Amino acid sequence: MIALSIRQPWAWFIVRPDLTDAALRAAALARGEIKIVENRMRRTRYRGRMLVHASKGCTRAEYAAALQFAKERCGFTGDLPPLEQLDRGGVVGAVTLVDCVDSHPSPWFIGHESGGLGLVLSDARPLPFFPCRGQLSLFEVRLSPDLARLAT
């Protein structure tokens, strides 16, 4: 299955494993507390279901900056797990990539500030952590049949 590496805690903001109840997830999505745009510099033609791979790297400064961004710009009011508790170096969820855009109204989109693009995401869901090596750009991950079933 196709995967995209995303640094923590951005991957966490996409899959939001803390929101196990469908009504709570829908309310958080309506409030903008779920990241629906992944900012990138390269366009992709791929559309469809893909895995969210959490990269190994994340400094304390990156973690703090991401949390500040989420609170101040996106209205995040929840509790982000401590950096040490975030899964890194493997698959943490699945999402549908629906579009690649030059602009988007979501506060998570910063392409207009950086000259980048936005990968528009939907139907994100957390998956049991599956350690694997990440790569730049989209890449293929072989999953067990059980995990592949959960991802689709």
C-alpha atoms as a PDB file:
ATOM      1  CA  MET A   1       0.000   0.000   0.000  1.00  0.00           C
ATOM      2  CA  ILE A   2       1.196   3.546  -0.726  1.00  0.00           C
ATOM      3  CA  ALA A   3       2.533   5.506   2.278  1.00  0.00           C
ATOM      4  CA  LEU A   4       3.716   9.028   3.046  1.00  0.00           C
ATOM      5  CA  SER A   5       6.166   9.887   5.832  1.00  0.00           C
ATOM      6  CA  ILE A   6       5.035  12.772   8.010  1.00  0.00           C
ATOM      7  CA  ARG A   7       6.909  14.104  11.018  1.00  0.00           C
ATOM      8  CA  GLN A   8       5.311  13.952  14.437  1.00  0.00           C
ATOM      9  CA  PRO A   9       3.261  15.535  15.857  1.00  0.00           C
ATOM     10  CA  TRP A  10       1.760  16.430  12.454  1.00  0.00           C
ATOM     11  CA  ALA A  11       0.962  12.747  11.803  1.00  0.00           C
ATOM     12  CA  TRP A  12      -0.856  12.639  15.162  1.00  0.00           C
ATOM     13  CA  PHE A  13      -2.920  15.716  14.205  1.00  0.00           C
ATOM     14  CA  ILE A  14      -3.971  13.910  11.006  1.00  0.00           C
ATOM     15  CA  VAL A  15      -4.997  10.542  12.474  1.00  0.00           C
ATOM     16  CA  ARG A  16      -6.027  11.789  15.973  1.00  0.00           C
ATOM     17  CA  PRO A  17      -5.885   8.416  17.770  1.00  0.00           C
ATOM     18  CA  ASP A  18      -7.352  10.081  20.868  1.00  0.00           C
ATOM     19  CA  LEU A  19     -10.731  10.450  19.120  1.00  0.00           C
ATOM     20  CA  THR A  20     -12.157   6.936  19.209  1.00  0.00           C
ATOM     21  CA  ASP A  21     -15.815   8.016  19.309  1.00  0.00           C
ATOM     22  CA  ALA A  22     -17.302   8.892  15.890  1.00  0.00           C
ATOM     23  CA  ALA A  23     -19.302  11.835  17.269  1.00  0.00           C
ATOM     24  CA  LEU A  24     -16.247  13.325  19.002  1.00  0.00           C
ATOM     25  CA  ARG A  25     -14.193  12.852  15.823  1.00  0.00           C
ATOM     26  CA  ALA A  26     -16.876  14.596  13.730  1.00  0.00           C
ATOM     27  CA  ALA A  27     -17.060  17.496  16.201  1.00  0.00           C
ATOM     28  CA  ALA A  28     -13.257  17.903  16.224  1.00  0.00           C
ATOM     29  CA  LEU A  29     -13.236  17.850  12.423  1.00  0.00           C
ATOM     30  CA  ALA A  30     -15.942  20.537  12.310  1.00  0.00           C
ATOM     31  CA  ARG A  31     -13.887  22.693  14.720  1.00  0.00           C
ATOM     32  CA  GLY A  32     -10.776  22.313  12.559  1.00  0.00           C
ATOM     33  CA  GLU A  33      -8.895  20.296  15.187  1.00  0.00           C
ATOM     34  CA  ILE A  34      -8.035  17.497  12.749  1.00  0.00           C
ATOM     35  CA  LYS A  35      -5.345  18.247  10.165  1.00  0.00           C
ATOM     36  CA  ILE A  36      -6.920  17.845   6.721  1.00  0.00           C
ATOM     37  CA  VAL A  37      -4.133  19.374   4.632  1.00  0.00           C
ATOM     38  CA  GLU A  38      -0.544  18.121   4.520  1.00  0.00           C
ATOM     39  CA  ASN A  39       1.819  20.827   3.256  1.00  0.00           C
ATOM     40  CA  ARG A  40       4.339  19.736   0.630  1.00  0.00           C
ATOM     41  CA  MET A  41       6.608  21.257  -2.001  1.00  0.00           C
ATOM     42  CA  ARG A  42       6.001  18.667  -4.740  1.00  0.00           C
ATOM     43  CA  ARG A  43       2.812  17.881  -6.605  1.00  0.00           C
ATOM     44  CA  THR A  44       1.546  14.300  -6.838  1.00  0.00           C
ATOM     45  CA  ARG A  45      -0.925  12.704  -9.220  1.00  0.00           C
ATOM     46  CA  TYR A  46      -1.737   9.942  -6.759  1.00  0.00           C
ATOM     47  CA  ARG A  47      -5.281   9.901  -5.364  1.00  0.00           C
ATOM     48  CA  GLY A  48      -6.693   7.280  -3.046  1.00  0.00           C
ATOM     49  CA  ARG A  49      -6.137   5.492   0.215  1.00  0.00           C
ATOM     50  CA  MET A  50      -2.650   5.679   1.714  1.00  0.00           C
ATOM     51  CA  LEU A  51      -0.821   4.991   4.938  1.00  0.00           C
ATOM     52  CA  VAL A  52       0.400   7.684   7.305  1.00  0.00           C
ATOM     53  CA  HIS A  53       3.983   6.862   8.283  1.00  0.00           C
ATOM     54  CA  ALA A  54       5.334   8.766  11.300  1.00  0.00           C
ATOM     55  CA  SER A  55       8.962   9.711  10.684  1.00  0.00           C
ATOM     56  CA  LYS A  56      11.549   8.922  13.350  1.00  0.00           C
ATOM     57  CA  GLY A  57      12.792  12.475  13.690  1.00  0.00           C
ATOM     58  CA  CYS A  58      11.199  15.145  15.854  1.00  0.00           C
ATOM     59  CA  THR A  59      13.045  17.596  18.080  1.00  0.00           C
ATOM     60  CA  ARG A  60      11.563  19.191  21.182  1.00  0.00           C
ATOM     61  CA  ALA A  61      11.613  22.538  19.362  1.00  0.00           C
ATOM     62  CA  GLU A  62       9.661  21.080  16.399  1.00  0.00           C
ATOM     63  CA  TYR A  63       7.163  19.493  18.791  1.00  0.00           C
ATOM     64  CA  ALA A  64       6.660  22.780  20.675  1.00  0.00           C
ATOM     65  CA  ALA A  65       6.309  24.790  17.449  1.00  0.00           C
ATOM     66  CA  ALA A  66       3.732  22.355  16.053  1.00  0.00           C
ATOM     67  CA  LEU A  67       1.680  22.463  19.255  1.00  0.00           C
ATOM     68  CA  GLN A  68       1.794  26.266  19.312  1.00  0.00           C
ATOM     69  CA  PHE A  69       0.709  26.372  15.638  1.00  0.00           C
ATOM     70  CA  ALA A  70      -2.183  23.977  16.315  1.00  0.00           C
ATOM     71  CA  LYS A  71      -3.397  25.974  19.312  1.00  0.00           C
ATOM     72  CA  GLU A  72      -2.988  29.493  17.947  1.00  0.00           C
ATOM     73  CA  ARG A  73      -3.891  29.003  14.303  1.00  0.00           C
ATOM     74  CA  CYS A  74      -6.174  25.950  14.288  1.00  0.00           C
ATOM     75  CA  GLY A  75      -7.943  26.259  17.639  1.00  0.00           C
ATOM     76  CA  PHE A  76      -6.657  22.963  19.033  1.00  0.00           C
ATOM     77  CA  THR A  77      -7.863  22.579  22.622  1.00  0.00           C
ATOM     78  CA  GLY A  78      -7.092  18.915  23.265  1.00  0.00           C
ATOM     79  CA  ASP A  79      -4.152  17.219  24.908  1.00  0.00           C
ATOM     80  CA  LEU A  80      -1.242  16.301  22.673  1.00  0.00           C
ATOM     81  CA  PRO A  81       0.662  13.326  24.111  1.00  0.00           C
ATOM     82  CA  PRO A  82       4.221  14.055  25.257  1.00  0.00           C
ATOM     83  CA  LEU A  83       6.849  13.707  22.545  1.00  0.00           C
ATOM     84  CA  GLU A  84       8.192  10.512  24.128  1.00  0.00           C
ATOM     85  CA  GLN A  85       4.772   8.844  23.836  1.00  0.00           C
ATOM     86  CA  LEU A  86       4.220   9.567  20.129  1.00  0.00           C
ATOM     87  CA  ASP A  87       4.824   6.562  17.881  1.00  0.00           C
ATOM     88  CA  ARG A  88       7.678   7.227  15.468  1.00  0.00           C
ATOM     89  CA  GLY A  89       9.391   5.181  12.786  1.00  0.00           C
ATOM     90  CA  GLY A  90       6.346   3.376  11.425  1.00  0.00           C
ATOM     91  CA  VAL A  91       2.772   3.410  10.186  1.00  0.00           C
ATOM     92  CA  VAL A  92       0.298   5.087  12.553  1.00  0.00           C
ATOM     93  CA  GLY A  93      -2.803   5.423  10.394  1.00  0.00           C
ATOM     94  CA  ALA A  94      -4.480   5.571   7.008  1.00  0.00           C
ATOM     95  CA  VAL A  95      -6.081   8.418   5.094  1.00  0.00           C
ATOM     96  CA  THR A  96      -7.533   9.177   1.673  1.00  0.00           C
ATOM     97  CA  LEU A  97      -5.611  11.635  -0.491  1.00  0.00           C
ATOM     98  CA  VAL A  98      -8.359  13.435  -2.419  1.00  0.00           C
ATOM     99  CA  ASP A  99      -6.536  16.323  -4.096  1.00  0.00           C
ATOM    100  CA  CYS A 100      -3.343  18.344  -4.457  1.00  0.00           C
ATOM    101  CA  VAL A 101      -4.076  22.086  -4.356  1.00  0.00           C
ATOM    102  CA  ASP A 102      -2.381  25.483  -4.592  1.00  0.00           C
ATOM    103  CA  SER A 103      -4.714  26.994  -1.991  1.00  0.00           C
ATOM    104  CA  HIS A 104      -7.124  25.791   0.669  1.00  0.00           C
ATOM    105  CA  PRO A 105      -9.246  27.538   3.336  1.00  0.00           C
ATOM    106  CA  SER A 106      -8.051  25.240   6.138  1.00  0.00           C
ATOM    107  CA  PRO A 107      -5.877  26.962   8.757  1.00  0.00           C
ATOM    108  CA  TRP A 108      -3.568  23.933   8.474  1.00  0.00           C
ATOM    109  CA  PHE A 109      -2.637  25.026   4.916  1.00  0.00           C
ATOM    110  CA  ILE A 110       0.466  27.229   4.752  1.00  0.00           C
ATOM    111  CA  GLY A 111       1.315  26.842   1.073  1.00  0.00           C
ATOM    112  CA  HIS A 112       0.407  30.446   0.336  1.00  0.00           C
ATOM    113  CA  GLU A 113       3.113  31.489   2.846  1.00  0.00           C
ATOM    114  CA  SER A 114       5.805  29.073   1.661  1.00  0.00           C
ATOM    115  CA  GLY A 115       5.045  28.643  -2.033  1.00  0.00           C
ATOM    116  CA  GLY A 116       4.059  25.044  -1.397  1.00  0.00           C
ATOM    117  CA  LEU A 117       1.093  22.834  -2.120  1.00  0.00           C
ATOM    118  CA  GLY A 118      -1.524  21.135  -0.004  1.00  0.00           C
ATOM    119  CA  LEU A 119      -2.404  17.459  -0.049  1.00  0.00           C
ATOM    120  CA  VAL A 120      -6.093  17.403   0.873  1.00  0.00           C
ATOM    121  CA  LEU A 121      -6.901  14.469   3.158  1.00  0.00           C
ATOM    122  CA  SER A 122     -10.114  12.799   4.297  1.00  0.00           C
ATOM    123  CA  ASP A 123     -11.340   9.754   6.210  1.00  0.00           C
ATOM    124  CA  ALA A 124      -8.284   9.540   8.463  1.00  0.00           C
ATOM    125  CA  ARG A 125      -8.158   6.744  10.963  1.00  0.00           C
ATOM    126  CA  PRO A 126      -5.518   5.474  13.352  1.00  0.00           C
ATOM    127  CA  LEU A 127      -4.027   2.003  12.922  1.00  0.00           C
ATOM    128  CA  PRO A 128      -2.063  -0.211  15.290  1.00  0.00           C
ATOM    129  CA  PHE A 129       1.580   0.893  15.113  1.00  0.00           C
ATOM    130  CA  PHE A 130       3.553  -0.991  12.477  1.00  0.00           C
ATOM    131  CA  PRO A 131       7.296  -0.241  12.544  1.00  0.00           C
ATOM    132  CA  CYS A 132       8.879   0.260   9.128  1.00  0.00           C
ATOM    133  CA  ARG A 133      11.417   2.463   7.464  1.00  0.00           C
ATOM    134  CA  GLY A 134      10.192   5.698   5.888  1.00  0.00           C
ATOM    135  CA  GLN A 135      11.226   7.331   2.632  1.00  0.00           C
ATOM    136  CA  LEU A 136      10.964  10.653   0.878  1.00  0.00           C
ATOM    137  CA  SER A 137       7.866  11.141  -1.286  1.00  0.00           C
ATOM    138  CA  LEU A 138       5.272   8.369  -1.669  1.00  0.00           C
ATOM    139  CA  PHE A 139       6.520   4.821  -1.143  1.00  0.00           C
ATOM    140  CA  GLU A 140       5.206   1.269  -0.942  1.00  0.00           C
ATOM    141  CA  VAL A 141       4.721  -0.600   2.359  1.00  0.00           C
ATOM    142  CA  ARG A 142       3.854  -4.281   2.537  1.00  0.00           C
ATOM    143  CA  LEU A 143       1.224  -4.936   5.188  1.00  0.00           C
ATOM    144  CA  SER A 144      -0.189  -8.080   6.691  1.00  0.00           C
ATOM    145  CA  PRO A 145      -3.662  -8.925   5.323  1.00  0.00           C
ATOM    146  CA  ASP A 146      -5.228  -7.981   8.681  1.00  0.00           C
ATOM    147  CA  LEU A 147      -3.582  -4.548   8.805  1.00  0.00           C
ATOM    148  CA  ALA A 148      -4.344  -3.929   5.116  1.00  0.00           C
ATOM    149  CA  ARG A 149      -8.013  -4.665   5.810  1.00  0.00           C
ATOM    150  CA  LEU A 150      -8.037  -2.112   8.650  1.00  0.00           C
ATOM    151  CA  ALA A 151      -6.387   0.507   6.427  1.00  0.00           C
ATOM    152  CA  THR A 152      -8.968   0.370   3.628  1.00  0.00           C
END
